[in-house]
N, C-alpha and C. Protein backbone atom coordinates (compact mmCIF):
# COMPACT_ATOMS: atom_id res chain seq x y z
N MET A 1 0.85 -1.19 0.00
CA MET A 1 0.00 0.00 0.00
C MET A 1 0.88 1.24 0.00
N PRO A 2 0.66 2.18 -0.93
CA PRO A 2 1.50 3.38 -0.97
C PRO A 2 1.31 4.21 0.29
N GLU A 3 2.35 4.91 0.68
CA GLU A 3 2.30 5.72 1.89
C GLU A 3 1.46 6.97 1.65
N PRO A 4 0.34 7.16 2.40
CA PRO A 4 -0.39 8.41 2.27
C PRO A 4 0.43 9.51 2.90
N ASN A 5 0.41 10.66 2.31
CA ASN A 5 1.22 11.77 2.83
C ASN A 5 0.39 13.03 2.85
N ILE A 6 0.33 13.69 3.99
CA ILE A 6 -0.45 14.91 4.11
C ILE A 6 0.36 16.12 3.71
N PHE A 7 1.64 15.92 3.37
CA PHE A 7 2.49 17.03 3.02
C PHE A 7 2.88 16.97 1.56
N VAL A 8 3.02 18.12 0.96
CA VAL A 8 3.42 18.21 -0.44
C VAL A 8 4.77 18.88 -0.52
N ASN A 9 5.76 18.18 -1.00
CA ASN A 9 7.10 18.74 -1.09
C ASN A 9 7.22 19.66 -2.30
N ASN A 10 7.98 20.70 -2.12
CA ASN A 10 8.25 21.62 -3.22
C ASN A 10 9.66 21.36 -3.69
N PRO A 11 9.88 20.71 -4.86
CA PRO A 11 11.23 20.35 -5.29
C PRO A 11 12.11 21.57 -5.51
N LEU A 12 13.38 21.44 -5.18
CA LEU A 12 14.34 22.52 -5.38
C LEU A 12 14.74 22.60 -6.84
N VAL A 13 15.21 23.73 -7.24
CA VAL A 13 15.73 23.88 -8.59
C VAL A 13 16.95 22.98 -8.73
N LYS A 14 16.98 22.18 -9.80
CA LYS A 14 17.97 21.12 -9.95
C LYS A 14 19.40 21.63 -9.90
N ASN A 15 19.68 22.68 -10.66
CA ASN A 15 21.07 23.14 -10.69
C ASN A 15 21.50 23.77 -9.38
N THR A 16 20.56 24.39 -8.65
CA THR A 16 20.88 24.95 -7.34
C THR A 16 21.22 23.85 -6.36
N GLU A 17 20.43 22.78 -6.39
CA GLU A 17 20.68 21.63 -5.51
C GLU A 17 22.03 21.00 -5.83
N GLN A 18 22.32 20.86 -7.12
CA GLN A 18 23.59 20.26 -7.52
C GLN A 18 24.77 21.11 -7.06
N ALA A 19 24.62 22.43 -7.16
CA ALA A 19 25.69 23.32 -6.71
C ALA A 19 25.92 23.17 -5.21
N GLY A 20 24.81 23.00 -4.45
CA GLY A 20 24.93 22.82 -3.01
C GLY A 20 25.64 21.53 -2.66
N LEU A 21 25.29 20.46 -3.39
CA LEU A 21 25.94 19.18 -3.16
C LEU A 21 27.42 19.24 -3.50
N THR A 22 27.74 19.91 -4.59
CA THR A 22 29.14 20.02 -4.98
C THR A 22 29.94 20.77 -3.92
N ARG A 23 29.38 21.84 -3.39
CA ARG A 23 30.05 22.60 -2.33
C ARG A 23 30.23 21.74 -1.08
N GLU A 24 29.19 21.00 -0.72
CA GLU A 24 29.27 20.14 0.45
C GLU A 24 30.33 19.05 0.26
N GLN A 25 30.35 18.45 -0.90
CA GLN A 25 31.34 17.40 -1.17
C GLN A 25 32.76 17.95 -1.10
N ASP A 26 32.93 19.17 -1.57
CA ASP A 26 34.24 19.82 -1.50
C ASP A 26 34.65 20.05 -0.05
N LEU A 27 33.70 20.52 0.77
CA LEU A 27 34.00 20.75 2.19
C LEU A 27 34.35 19.44 2.89
N ILE A 28 33.59 18.39 2.59
CA ILE A 28 33.87 17.08 3.21
C ILE A 28 35.29 16.63 2.88
N ALA A 29 35.65 16.72 1.62
CA ALA A 29 36.98 16.29 1.20
C ALA A 29 38.07 17.11 1.89
N ARG A 30 37.86 18.40 2.01
CA ARG A 30 38.87 19.26 2.62
C ARG A 30 38.99 19.01 4.13
N VAL A 31 37.86 18.77 4.80
CA VAL A 31 37.92 18.44 6.22
C VAL A 31 38.63 17.11 6.42
N GLN A 32 38.33 16.14 5.58
CA GLN A 32 38.97 14.83 5.68
C GLN A 32 40.47 14.90 5.42
N ARG A 33 40.88 15.90 4.64
CA ARG A 33 42.32 16.08 4.37
C ARG A 33 43.01 16.86 5.48
N GLY A 34 42.26 17.32 6.46
CA GLY A 34 42.89 17.99 7.59
C GLY A 34 42.53 19.44 7.82
N GLN A 35 41.70 20.02 6.97
CA GLN A 35 41.29 21.42 7.16
C GLN A 35 40.13 21.47 8.15
N LYS A 36 40.45 21.25 9.41
CA LYS A 36 39.43 21.09 10.45
C LYS A 36 38.61 22.34 10.68
N GLU A 37 39.19 23.49 10.37
CA GLU A 37 38.47 24.74 10.60
C GLU A 37 37.23 24.88 9.72
N LEU A 38 37.11 24.04 8.70
CA LEU A 38 35.95 24.10 7.80
C LEU A 38 34.78 23.24 8.28
N PHE A 39 34.98 22.51 9.37
CA PHE A 39 33.94 21.60 9.82
C PHE A 39 32.66 22.33 10.18
N TYR A 40 32.78 23.46 10.85
CA TYR A 40 31.56 24.18 11.24
C TYR A 40 30.78 24.65 10.02
N GLU A 41 31.48 25.10 9.00
CA GLU A 41 30.80 25.51 7.77
C GLU A 41 30.05 24.33 7.16
N LEU A 42 30.62 23.14 7.29
CA LEU A 42 29.99 21.93 6.75
C LEU A 42 28.70 21.58 7.49
N VAL A 43 28.73 21.67 8.81
CA VAL A 43 27.57 21.22 9.59
C VAL A 43 26.54 22.32 9.86
N GLN A 44 26.92 23.56 9.63
CA GLN A 44 26.02 24.68 9.95
C GLN A 44 24.62 24.54 9.36
N PRO A 45 24.46 24.09 8.10
CA PRO A 45 23.11 23.98 7.56
C PRO A 45 22.23 22.96 8.28
N TYR A 46 22.83 22.08 9.07
CA TYR A 46 22.08 21.00 9.71
C TYR A 46 21.94 21.17 11.22
N GLU A 47 22.37 22.29 11.76
CA GLU A 47 22.33 22.50 13.21
C GLU A 47 20.93 22.28 13.78
N ARG A 48 19.96 22.94 13.20
CA ARG A 48 18.60 22.85 13.74
C ARG A 48 18.00 21.47 13.52
N ARG A 49 18.35 20.83 12.43
CA ARG A 49 17.85 19.48 12.20
C ARG A 49 18.41 18.51 13.24
N VAL A 50 19.67 18.67 13.58
CA VAL A 50 20.29 17.84 14.61
C VAL A 50 19.59 18.05 15.95
N TYR A 51 19.39 19.30 16.31
CA TYR A 51 18.72 19.62 17.58
C TYR A 51 17.30 19.06 17.58
N ALA A 52 16.57 19.25 16.48
CA ALA A 52 15.19 18.79 16.41
C ALA A 52 15.09 17.27 16.52
N ALA A 53 16.01 16.56 15.90
CA ALA A 53 16.01 15.09 15.98
C ALA A 53 16.25 14.64 17.41
N ALA A 54 17.18 15.28 18.09
CA ALA A 54 17.46 14.94 19.49
C ALA A 54 16.26 15.27 20.37
N LEU A 55 15.64 16.42 20.13
CA LEU A 55 14.50 16.83 20.94
C LEU A 55 13.30 15.90 20.74
N ALA A 56 13.12 15.41 19.53
CA ALA A 56 12.00 14.51 19.26
C ALA A 56 12.11 13.23 20.08
N ILE A 57 13.32 12.80 20.36
CA ILE A 57 13.53 11.57 21.12
C ILE A 57 13.55 11.83 22.62
N LEU A 58 14.19 12.91 23.03
CA LEU A 58 14.42 13.15 24.46
C LEU A 58 13.33 13.99 25.12
N ARG A 59 12.66 14.85 24.35
CA ARG A 59 11.60 15.71 24.86
C ARG A 59 12.08 16.59 26.01
N ASN A 60 13.33 16.96 25.97
CA ASN A 60 13.90 17.83 26.99
C ASN A 60 14.93 18.72 26.30
N GLU A 61 14.74 20.04 26.37
CA GLU A 61 15.58 20.95 25.60
C GLU A 61 17.04 20.90 26.03
N SER A 62 17.28 20.83 27.33
CA SER A 62 18.65 20.80 27.83
C SER A 62 19.36 19.53 27.37
N ASP A 63 18.69 18.39 27.50
CA ASP A 63 19.27 17.12 27.06
C ASP A 63 19.50 17.13 25.55
N ALA A 64 18.56 17.71 24.81
CA ALA A 64 18.70 17.75 23.35
C ALA A 64 19.90 18.59 22.94
N GLU A 65 20.14 19.70 23.63
CA GLU A 65 21.30 20.53 23.32
C GLU A 65 22.59 19.78 23.62
N ASP A 66 22.62 19.07 24.76
CA ASP A 66 23.81 18.28 25.10
C ASP A 66 24.08 17.22 24.03
N VAL A 67 23.04 16.51 23.64
CA VAL A 67 23.18 15.45 22.65
C VAL A 67 23.59 16.02 21.30
N ALA A 68 23.04 17.17 20.94
CA ALA A 68 23.41 17.80 19.67
C ALA A 68 24.91 18.09 19.63
N GLN A 69 25.44 18.61 20.72
CA GLN A 69 26.87 18.91 20.76
C GLN A 69 27.70 17.63 20.77
N GLU A 70 27.24 16.62 21.49
CA GLU A 70 27.94 15.34 21.49
C GLU A 70 27.96 14.74 20.08
N ALA A 71 26.84 14.85 19.38
CA ALA A 71 26.76 14.32 18.02
C ALA A 71 27.72 15.05 17.08
N MET A 72 27.81 16.36 17.24
CA MET A 72 28.74 17.14 16.41
C MET A 72 30.18 16.71 16.68
N LEU A 73 30.52 16.53 17.94
CA LEU A 73 31.87 16.09 18.29
C LEU A 73 32.17 14.71 17.73
N LYS A 74 31.19 13.82 17.83
CA LYS A 74 31.41 12.46 17.32
C LYS A 74 31.56 12.48 15.80
N ALA A 75 30.75 13.29 15.13
CA ALA A 75 30.86 13.40 13.68
C ALA A 75 32.24 13.94 13.29
N PHE A 76 32.71 14.94 14.02
CA PHE A 76 34.02 15.52 13.73
C PHE A 76 35.12 14.48 13.92
N ALA A 77 35.03 13.72 15.02
CA ALA A 77 36.05 12.72 15.32
C ALA A 77 36.06 11.58 14.30
N ASN A 78 34.93 11.37 13.63
CA ASN A 78 34.81 10.23 12.71
C ASN A 78 34.69 10.65 11.25
N MET A 79 35.08 11.87 10.93
CA MET A 79 34.95 12.36 9.56
C MET A 79 35.66 11.48 8.54
N ARG A 80 36.80 10.92 8.90
CA ARG A 80 37.54 10.09 7.95
C ARG A 80 36.79 8.80 7.62
N GLN A 81 35.84 8.42 8.47
CA GLN A 81 35.07 7.20 8.22
C GLN A 81 33.86 7.45 7.32
N PHE A 82 33.54 8.72 7.10
CA PHE A 82 32.38 9.01 6.25
C PHE A 82 32.68 8.66 4.81
N ARG A 83 31.73 7.98 4.17
CA ARG A 83 31.86 7.59 2.78
C ARG A 83 30.81 8.30 1.94
N ALA A 84 31.19 8.71 0.76
CA ALA A 84 30.33 9.54 -0.08
C ALA A 84 29.06 8.83 -0.57
N GLU A 85 29.00 7.50 -0.40
CA GLU A 85 27.80 6.79 -0.85
C GLU A 85 26.57 7.25 -0.08
N ALA A 86 26.76 7.67 1.16
CA ALA A 86 25.66 8.14 1.99
C ALA A 86 25.56 9.66 1.93
N ARG A 87 24.36 10.17 2.19
CA ARG A 87 24.21 11.61 2.31
C ARG A 87 24.81 12.06 3.64
N PHE A 88 25.52 13.16 3.63
CA PHE A 88 26.14 13.63 4.87
C PHE A 88 25.07 13.95 5.91
N SER A 89 23.98 14.56 5.48
CA SER A 89 22.92 14.92 6.43
C SER A 89 22.34 13.67 7.10
N THR A 90 22.16 12.60 6.32
CA THR A 90 21.64 11.35 6.88
C THR A 90 22.61 10.77 7.89
N TRP A 91 23.88 10.76 7.56
CA TRP A 91 24.92 10.25 8.46
C TRP A 91 24.92 11.04 9.76
N LEU A 92 24.81 12.35 9.67
CA LEU A 92 24.83 13.21 10.85
C LEU A 92 23.59 12.99 11.72
N ILE A 93 22.43 12.86 11.10
CA ILE A 93 21.20 12.63 11.85
C ILE A 93 21.23 11.26 12.52
N GLN A 94 21.78 10.26 11.85
CA GLN A 94 21.85 8.93 12.45
C GLN A 94 22.77 8.93 13.67
N ILE A 95 23.86 9.66 13.60
CA ILE A 95 24.73 9.81 14.77
C ILE A 95 23.95 10.45 15.91
N THR A 96 23.19 11.47 15.59
CA THR A 96 22.39 12.18 16.60
C THR A 96 21.37 11.26 17.24
N VAL A 97 20.67 10.49 16.41
CA VAL A 97 19.66 9.57 16.93
C VAL A 97 20.30 8.53 17.85
N ASN A 98 21.44 7.99 17.44
CA ASN A 98 22.13 7.01 18.28
C ASN A 98 22.52 7.61 19.62
N GLU A 99 23.05 8.84 19.59
CA GLU A 99 23.44 9.52 20.83
C GLU A 99 22.22 9.77 21.71
N ALA A 100 21.12 10.17 21.10
CA ALA A 100 19.90 10.45 21.87
C ALA A 100 19.34 9.18 22.50
N LEU A 101 19.35 8.10 21.75
CA LEU A 101 18.84 6.84 22.29
C LEU A 101 19.71 6.34 23.43
N MET A 102 21.03 6.50 23.30
CA MET A 102 21.92 6.10 24.39
C MET A 102 21.68 6.96 25.62
N ARG A 103 21.49 8.27 25.40
CA ARG A 103 21.21 9.16 26.53
C ARG A 103 19.92 8.77 27.22
N ARG A 104 18.92 8.43 26.45
CA ARG A 104 17.64 8.05 27.04
C ARG A 104 17.76 6.77 27.84
N ARG A 105 18.56 5.83 27.34
CA ARG A 105 18.75 4.57 28.07
C ARG A 105 19.50 4.79 29.37
N ARG A 106 20.49 5.66 29.32
CA ARG A 106 21.27 5.92 30.53
C ARG A 106 20.45 6.67 31.57
N GLY A 107 19.56 7.50 31.10
CA GLY A 107 18.79 8.33 32.02
C GLY A 107 19.57 9.57 32.39
N ARG A 108 18.93 10.49 33.02
CA ARG A 108 19.55 11.77 33.33
C ARG A 108 20.42 11.73 34.58
N THR A 109 20.57 10.56 35.19
CA THR A 109 21.39 10.48 36.40
C THR A 109 22.87 10.47 36.08
N VAL A 110 23.20 10.16 34.83
CA VAL A 110 24.60 10.13 34.43
C VAL A 110 25.09 11.55 34.18
N VAL A 111 26.16 11.91 34.81
CA VAL A 111 26.73 13.24 34.62
C VAL A 111 27.57 13.25 33.35
N MET A 112 27.20 14.10 32.42
CA MET A 112 27.94 14.18 31.17
C MET A 112 29.22 14.97 31.37
N GLU A 113 30.28 14.51 30.71
CA GLU A 113 31.53 15.25 30.77
C GLU A 113 31.37 16.59 30.08
N ALA A 114 32.00 17.61 30.59
CA ALA A 114 31.91 18.94 30.00
C ALA A 114 32.59 18.94 28.63
N ILE A 115 32.03 19.71 27.72
CA ILE A 115 32.60 19.82 26.38
C ILE A 115 34.03 20.35 26.45
N ASP A 116 34.27 21.30 27.34
CA ASP A 116 35.62 21.87 27.45
C ASP A 116 36.64 20.82 27.87
N ASP A 117 36.22 19.88 28.71
CA ASP A 117 37.13 18.83 29.15
C ASP A 117 37.45 17.88 28.01
N ARG A 118 36.47 17.62 27.17
CA ARG A 118 36.67 16.70 26.06
C ARG A 118 37.53 17.32 24.96
N ARG A 119 37.53 18.63 24.91
CA ARG A 119 38.19 19.30 23.79
C ARG A 119 39.65 18.89 23.67
N GLY A 120 40.37 18.87 24.78
CA GLY A 120 41.77 18.53 24.73
C GLY A 120 42.01 17.05 24.51
N GLU A 121 41.04 16.22 24.91
CA GLU A 121 41.23 14.78 24.84
C GLU A 121 40.90 14.22 23.46
N GLU A 122 39.86 14.76 22.82
CA GLU A 122 39.36 14.13 21.60
C GLU A 122 39.70 14.87 20.33
N SER A 123 39.71 16.19 20.36
CA SER A 123 39.94 16.94 19.14
C SER A 123 40.19 18.39 19.48
N ASP A 124 40.48 19.17 18.45
CA ASP A 124 40.66 20.59 18.67
C ASP A 124 39.46 21.37 18.15
N TYR A 125 38.34 20.67 18.01
CA TYR A 125 37.11 21.34 17.57
C TYR A 125 36.13 21.39 18.72
N ALA A 126 35.55 22.57 18.95
CA ALA A 126 34.49 22.72 19.94
C ALA A 126 33.31 23.39 19.27
N PRO A 127 32.12 22.79 19.33
CA PRO A 127 30.96 23.39 18.67
C PRO A 127 30.56 24.70 19.32
N ARG A 128 29.86 25.53 18.56
CA ARG A 128 29.36 26.78 19.10
C ARG A 128 28.34 26.51 20.18
N ASP A 129 27.98 27.56 20.90
CA ASP A 129 26.87 27.47 21.83
C ASP A 129 25.60 27.42 20.99
N PHE A 130 24.88 26.31 21.08
CA PHE A 130 23.72 26.13 20.22
C PHE A 130 22.42 26.52 20.91
N ALA A 131 22.48 27.40 21.91
CA ALA A 131 21.27 27.80 22.62
C ALA A 131 20.29 28.52 21.71
N ASP A 132 20.77 29.07 20.59
CA ASP A 132 19.89 29.81 19.70
C ASP A 132 19.16 28.92 18.71
N TRP A 133 19.33 27.62 18.80
CA TRP A 133 18.68 26.72 17.86
C TRP A 133 17.16 26.80 17.94
N ARG A 134 16.64 27.14 19.12
CA ARG A 134 15.20 27.06 19.30
C ARG A 134 14.44 28.23 18.68
N GLU A 135 15.13 29.30 18.35
CA GLU A 135 14.47 30.46 17.78
C GLU A 135 15.32 31.07 16.66
N ILE A 136 14.66 31.62 15.68
CA ILE A 136 15.31 32.40 14.65
C ILE A 136 14.71 33.80 14.73
N PRO A 137 15.48 34.80 15.16
CA PRO A 137 14.91 36.13 15.40
C PRO A 137 14.15 36.71 14.22
N SER A 138 14.53 36.38 13.00
CA SER A 138 13.90 36.99 11.83
C SER A 138 12.57 36.34 11.45
N GLU A 139 12.18 35.27 12.16
CA GLU A 139 10.95 34.59 11.78
C GLU A 139 9.73 35.45 12.08
N ALA A 140 8.73 35.34 11.23
CA ALA A 140 7.48 36.07 11.44
C ALA A 140 6.67 35.38 12.54
N LEU A 141 5.75 36.15 13.16
CA LEU A 141 4.92 35.57 14.22
C LEU A 141 4.09 34.42 13.70
N GLU A 142 3.63 34.52 12.46
CA GLU A 142 2.82 33.44 11.89
C GLU A 142 3.62 32.15 11.84
N ARG A 143 4.89 32.24 11.48
CA ARG A 143 5.73 31.05 11.41
C ARG A 143 5.86 30.42 12.79
N LYS A 144 5.97 31.25 13.83
CA LYS A 144 6.07 30.73 15.19
C LYS A 144 4.78 30.03 15.59
N GLU A 145 3.65 30.59 15.14
CA GLU A 145 2.37 29.96 15.45
C GLU A 145 2.29 28.58 14.82
N VAL A 146 2.74 28.48 13.58
CA VAL A 146 2.73 27.19 12.89
C VAL A 146 3.59 26.19 13.63
N ARG A 147 4.79 26.62 14.01
CA ARG A 147 5.69 25.71 14.74
C ARG A 147 5.07 25.27 16.06
N GLN A 148 4.41 26.19 16.72
CA GLN A 148 3.79 25.87 18.00
C GLN A 148 2.67 24.85 17.82
N LYS A 149 1.84 25.05 16.81
CA LYS A 149 0.74 24.11 16.56
C LYS A 149 1.27 22.72 16.26
N LEU A 150 2.29 22.64 15.42
CA LEU A 150 2.85 21.35 15.06
C LEU A 150 3.53 20.70 16.26
N ALA A 151 4.26 21.50 17.04
CA ALA A 151 4.94 20.96 18.22
C ALA A 151 3.93 20.42 19.23
N GLU A 152 2.84 21.14 19.40
CA GLU A 152 1.80 20.69 20.34
C GLU A 152 1.19 19.38 19.87
N ALA A 153 0.95 19.27 18.58
CA ALA A 153 0.37 18.03 18.04
C ALA A 153 1.35 16.87 18.18
N LEU A 154 2.61 17.11 17.84
CA LEU A 154 3.63 16.06 17.95
C LEU A 154 3.78 15.58 19.39
N ALA A 155 3.68 16.52 20.33
CA ALA A 155 3.88 16.17 21.74
C ALA A 155 2.81 15.22 22.26
N THR A 156 1.66 15.18 21.60
CA THR A 156 0.59 14.29 22.05
C THR A 156 0.75 12.86 21.53
N LEU A 157 1.61 12.68 20.54
CA LEU A 157 1.81 11.34 19.98
C LEU A 157 2.65 10.48 20.92
N ASP A 158 2.38 9.18 20.90
CA ASP A 158 3.26 8.26 21.60
C ASP A 158 4.67 8.38 21.03
N ARG A 159 5.65 8.10 21.86
CA ARG A 159 7.05 8.27 21.46
C ARG A 159 7.38 7.52 20.17
N LYS A 160 6.89 6.28 20.05
CA LYS A 160 7.26 5.48 18.88
C LYS A 160 6.73 6.08 17.58
N TYR A 161 5.59 6.74 17.65
CA TYR A 161 5.05 7.38 16.45
C TYR A 161 5.75 8.70 16.17
N ARG A 162 6.02 9.46 17.23
CA ARG A 162 6.67 10.76 17.07
C ARG A 162 8.06 10.61 16.46
N GLU A 163 8.82 9.64 16.95
CA GLU A 163 10.19 9.45 16.46
C GLU A 163 10.21 9.11 14.98
N VAL A 164 9.35 8.19 14.57
CA VAL A 164 9.31 7.80 13.16
C VAL A 164 8.89 8.97 12.28
N PHE A 165 7.89 9.71 12.72
CA PHE A 165 7.43 10.85 11.92
C PHE A 165 8.51 11.91 11.77
N VAL A 166 9.19 12.22 12.86
CA VAL A 166 10.22 13.26 12.80
C VAL A 166 11.35 12.84 11.86
N LEU A 167 11.82 11.61 12.00
CA LEU A 167 12.94 11.17 11.17
C LEU A 167 12.56 11.01 9.70
N ARG A 168 11.38 10.47 9.44
CA ARG A 168 10.98 10.22 8.05
C ARG A 168 10.46 11.47 7.35
N ASP A 169 9.51 12.16 7.95
CA ASP A 169 8.85 13.26 7.26
C ASP A 169 9.49 14.62 7.52
N MET A 170 10.14 14.78 8.66
CA MET A 170 10.75 16.07 8.96
C MET A 170 12.23 16.08 8.60
N GLU A 171 12.94 15.02 8.99
CA GLU A 171 14.37 14.95 8.68
C GLU A 171 14.63 14.32 7.31
N GLN A 172 13.58 13.74 6.73
CA GLN A 172 13.63 13.21 5.36
C GLN A 172 14.61 12.05 5.18
N LEU A 173 14.79 11.25 6.24
CA LEU A 173 15.47 9.98 6.06
C LEU A 173 14.51 9.07 5.30
N ASN A 174 15.05 8.13 4.53
CA ASN A 174 14.15 7.20 3.87
C ASN A 174 13.72 6.11 4.86
N ILE A 175 12.84 5.22 4.40
CA ILE A 175 12.28 4.20 5.29
C ILE A 175 13.38 3.32 5.88
N GLN A 176 14.30 2.87 5.04
CA GLN A 176 15.38 2.00 5.50
C GLN A 176 16.27 2.71 6.50
N GLU A 177 16.62 3.95 6.22
CA GLU A 177 17.48 4.72 7.13
C GLU A 177 16.79 4.96 8.46
N THR A 178 15.50 5.22 8.43
CA THR A 178 14.74 5.43 9.66
C THR A 178 14.72 4.15 10.49
N ALA A 179 14.52 3.02 9.82
CA ALA A 179 14.51 1.73 10.52
C ALA A 179 15.86 1.47 11.18
N GLU A 180 16.94 1.72 10.45
CA GLU A 180 18.28 1.48 10.99
C GLU A 180 18.58 2.42 12.15
N ALA A 181 18.18 3.67 12.03
CA ALA A 181 18.45 4.65 13.09
C ALA A 181 17.75 4.28 14.39
N LEU A 182 16.54 3.75 14.29
CA LEU A 182 15.76 3.43 15.48
C LEU A 182 15.88 1.97 15.91
N GLY A 183 16.54 1.16 15.08
CA GLY A 183 16.70 -0.25 15.43
C GLY A 183 15.41 -1.04 15.36
N ILE A 184 14.55 -0.70 14.40
CA ILE A 184 13.29 -1.42 14.22
C ILE A 184 13.19 -1.88 12.77
N SER A 185 12.17 -2.68 12.46
CA SER A 185 12.03 -3.21 11.11
C SER A 185 11.42 -2.17 10.17
N VAL A 186 11.63 -2.39 8.88
CA VAL A 186 11.03 -1.52 7.87
C VAL A 186 9.51 -1.55 7.98
N ALA A 187 8.96 -2.73 8.23
CA ALA A 187 7.51 -2.86 8.37
C ALA A 187 6.99 -2.02 9.53
N SER A 188 7.74 -2.01 10.63
CA SER A 188 7.34 -1.21 11.79
C SER A 188 7.36 0.28 11.48
N VAL A 189 8.38 0.69 10.73
CA VAL A 189 8.46 2.10 10.33
C VAL A 189 7.23 2.49 9.52
N LYS A 190 6.87 1.67 8.55
CA LYS A 190 5.73 1.98 7.69
C LYS A 190 4.43 2.04 8.48
N THR A 191 4.26 1.09 9.39
CA THR A 191 3.04 1.06 10.19
C THR A 191 2.95 2.27 11.11
N ARG A 192 4.06 2.57 11.80
CA ARG A 192 4.05 3.70 12.73
C ARG A 192 3.92 5.03 12.00
N LEU A 193 4.53 5.11 10.83
CA LEU A 193 4.46 6.35 10.06
C LEU A 193 3.02 6.62 9.61
N LEU A 194 2.35 5.58 9.14
CA LEU A 194 0.96 5.74 8.73
C LEU A 194 0.10 6.21 9.90
N ARG A 195 0.27 5.57 11.05
CA ARG A 195 -0.50 5.97 12.24
C ARG A 195 -0.19 7.40 12.63
N ALA A 196 1.08 7.76 12.60
CA ALA A 196 1.48 9.12 12.99
C ALA A 196 0.86 10.16 12.06
N ARG A 197 0.90 9.90 10.76
CA ARG A 197 0.34 10.85 9.80
C ARG A 197 -1.16 11.01 9.97
N LEU A 198 -1.84 9.89 10.18
CA LEU A 198 -3.29 9.96 10.36
C LEU A 198 -3.66 10.70 11.64
N MET A 199 -2.92 10.43 12.72
CA MET A 199 -3.20 11.11 13.98
C MET A 199 -2.93 12.60 13.88
N LEU A 200 -1.82 12.97 13.23
CA LEU A 200 -1.51 14.38 13.06
C LEU A 200 -2.54 15.07 12.18
N ARG A 201 -2.98 14.38 11.16
CA ARG A 201 -4.01 14.96 10.28
C ARG A 201 -5.26 15.30 11.08
N ASP A 202 -5.65 14.38 11.96
CA ASP A 202 -6.84 14.63 12.78
C ASP A 202 -6.59 15.76 13.79
N LEU A 203 -5.41 15.76 14.39
CA LEU A 203 -5.11 16.77 15.40
C LEU A 203 -5.03 18.17 14.80
N LEU A 204 -4.57 18.25 13.56
CA LEU A 204 -4.38 19.56 12.92
C LEU A 204 -5.55 19.95 12.02
N ALA A 205 -6.59 19.12 11.99
CA ALA A 205 -7.69 19.34 11.06
C ALA A 205 -8.34 20.71 11.23
N ALA A 206 -8.43 21.20 12.46
CA ALA A 206 -9.06 22.50 12.70
C ALA A 206 -8.34 23.62 11.97
N GLY A 207 -7.05 23.41 11.71
CA GLY A 207 -6.27 24.44 11.04
C GLY A 207 -6.68 24.68 9.61
N TRP A 208 -7.37 23.69 9.01
CA TRP A 208 -7.81 23.89 7.63
C TRP A 208 -8.73 25.10 7.53
N GLU A 209 -9.66 25.22 8.49
CA GLU A 209 -10.60 26.33 8.46
C GLU A 209 -9.94 27.63 8.91
N GLN A 210 -8.96 27.53 9.82
CA GLN A 210 -8.32 28.73 10.34
C GLN A 210 -7.32 29.30 9.34
N GLY A 211 -6.92 28.51 8.36
CA GLY A 211 -6.05 29.02 7.32
C GLY A 211 -4.58 28.74 7.50
N TRP A 212 -4.10 28.61 8.74
CA TRP A 212 -2.66 28.45 8.94
C TRP A 212 -2.17 27.09 8.49
N PHE A 213 -3.04 26.07 8.46
CA PHE A 213 -2.59 24.73 8.08
C PHE A 213 -2.06 24.71 6.66
N SER A 214 -2.68 25.50 5.78
CA SER A 214 -2.23 25.53 4.39
C SER A 214 -0.86 26.15 4.25
N ARG A 215 -0.38 26.80 5.34
CA ARG A 215 0.93 27.44 5.29
C ARG A 215 1.98 26.66 6.09
N LEU A 216 1.66 25.41 6.44
CA LEU A 216 2.64 24.60 7.16
C LEU A 216 3.94 24.54 6.36
N PRO A 217 5.09 24.70 7.01
CA PRO A 217 6.37 24.70 6.30
C PRO A 217 6.59 23.47 5.44
N PHE A 218 6.09 22.30 5.87
CA PHE A 218 6.34 21.08 5.12
C PHE A 218 5.68 21.12 3.75
N GLU A 219 4.57 21.84 3.63
CA GLU A 219 3.91 21.92 2.33
C GLU A 219 4.74 22.72 1.34
N LYS A 220 5.61 23.56 1.85
CA LYS A 220 6.46 24.37 0.98
C LYS A 220 7.85 23.77 0.84
N GLY A 221 8.03 22.59 1.40
CA GLY A 221 9.33 21.95 1.30
C GLY A 221 10.36 22.53 2.23
N ASN A 222 9.91 23.28 3.24
CA ASN A 222 10.84 23.91 4.19
C ASN A 222 10.74 23.26 5.55
N LYS A 223 11.68 23.61 6.41
CA LYS A 223 11.68 23.11 7.78
C LYS A 223 11.03 24.13 8.71
N PRO A 224 10.46 23.67 9.82
CA PRO A 224 9.83 24.63 10.74
C PRO A 224 10.82 25.21 11.73
N TRP A 225 12.13 25.11 11.47
CA TRP A 225 13.11 25.70 12.36
C TRP A 225 14.22 26.32 11.54
């Protein structure tokens, strides 16, 4: 059965997308050759996606920020292991999901080592303070309302449905990648995704009459952060 989708993607202009990929591939190659100062430029476009993926699993902003920074450090430390067959964004999100799942299993009783302490031990890269991930000052109030409505709806879903929806429809991992990231079967991903989409459709149905639903970022192919 084909996957029903309540969102309509807006495809990017082909040559613009290709130019972006070429630039990213160049940055990856240069970082792998030792130009470590370019790492932040490489990951900057994915900062909010990393934070959002962690938040979807942990449901705690402080923990999500910690995990986002841990994921960035792990990605930096393992850049030489990255292979071009995979999308860099997918690889980065999978690292984030793994870190978030490990954090959730450990629970919040484990004291995380400070980033500053790790800096000298693991690498000479330290991520920026990502406290600004939750807001973009230039966003319009309407955009914030949309994000709030979607966040409220997502928060009501069971964890297993929320995680699949965020990774598949928001982070745009494919079905197989989502299954691998969460350690579940492809069939489970499809089942949970269908349930999540149907539940969100019902939860957001009132927005059709209010008008804001038609302006959901996903319908325009954009992210809500």
